[in-house]
């Protein structure tokens, strides 16, 4: 993909870069304290009975409750407890919520209660919670295996899932314009009234929403402008996202697809088109892996071949689950055949997760961050240049990266 940079695109690139630099320069640090403390701040993440709190002094704290307290991302929390380094064991706490947060929790509670009534097994509840509500209730061991199989991105709601949601609306027996209006209303409702604030999902919402608005107004859609606009917007509103690895993995994956495929579609649509239309998704997997593998190797200390071996199988499974789950969500799980199908797909996911071999990954020893910058920059440059056989150049770079990481494998 080669293009002349318009003034508006240059402005958005500079604006998003400015917010990114500001975010990195003012990155929050983990707090440290001993003894009794009183903290006030915003809850930015939750995992069972533990939440991550960002206080007014830009410090992060791991707050733990004796039981699963009703505290959620987006809440403003004042907690009293005993601190041991960066961990705080809560004794008393008070929660304040905005109007949007209160409405979000009401909507979620009604939908989640109905969903749990229809899910019969633990794996059905875990898969549905991840793909329909953005909650990861998989155990630590299950999360490790999902990561080692190279399919962790499939259980995190991101751009690809928004494209899968969009496919559900293609089956509506109405005119295309009305479909876009209905889909836009659903995505707005889903993003802000079902999901808690998360970087990959919010980024995808901007891209997909702008795409649908462009179609409704019969205007051209520029995926690069949408990508950099969403980066600037969310980094301005949530500066701490700039230090979130998932944030950068989502943006770099989308940027890679835009540079490779070009066109006037969202990168998520291109990914779905590639998964189901080109070499079982291997082409898109190679393109994205060449860009994001260095980050995965640096921060998570492993790489997996599972994305090439099992990615297509799990993506098809997730595709059908999301489409069926969307209809169930819209109909409040009142159609027994669709409920049964959703549960069957979740069981299939759990069965594959159980029987597939985990030994498709290798560990990577620490290496300088400079190599991340070199590999990622080289991959993006290859994708941006007007090269013949661009795929094979990208594939060659991926082989070089893999060879480098293999030589840094742990003994």
Foldseek 3Di string as FASTA:
>chain_A
DADDQDPLLVVLQVLLVVLLVVLVVLAAEQAFDFFKDKFKAFFADDDFQWTWGQGPVRHIAIEGEPHRDPHHGQKIKIFIAGGHTRYGYGDDMDTDHDPLRVQLVVVQVLLLVLLVVLADDPLLNQQCCQLQQVDHNDDPVLCVLCVLLVNNVLSGDAQLSLVLLLVLLVPDPDDPLVSLVVSLVVLVCSQRRRYRDDQRSQLNNQQSNQLSVCVNVVHFAFQSSSNSNSSSVVCVVPSNCSVPLVNVLNSLLQLLQCLQPPDRHGSSNSQVCCCPPPPNSPLSVLSSCLQCVLVCCAPVQKDFPSCVVCVSVVVVLSSVLSSLVSVCSVVSNPDVVSSVVNNVSSVVVVVCSVPDDSPRMFGFAHDDCVVSVVRNVVSSVLSNDPDPPSSVVSNVSSVVVVVVRVVRTDD
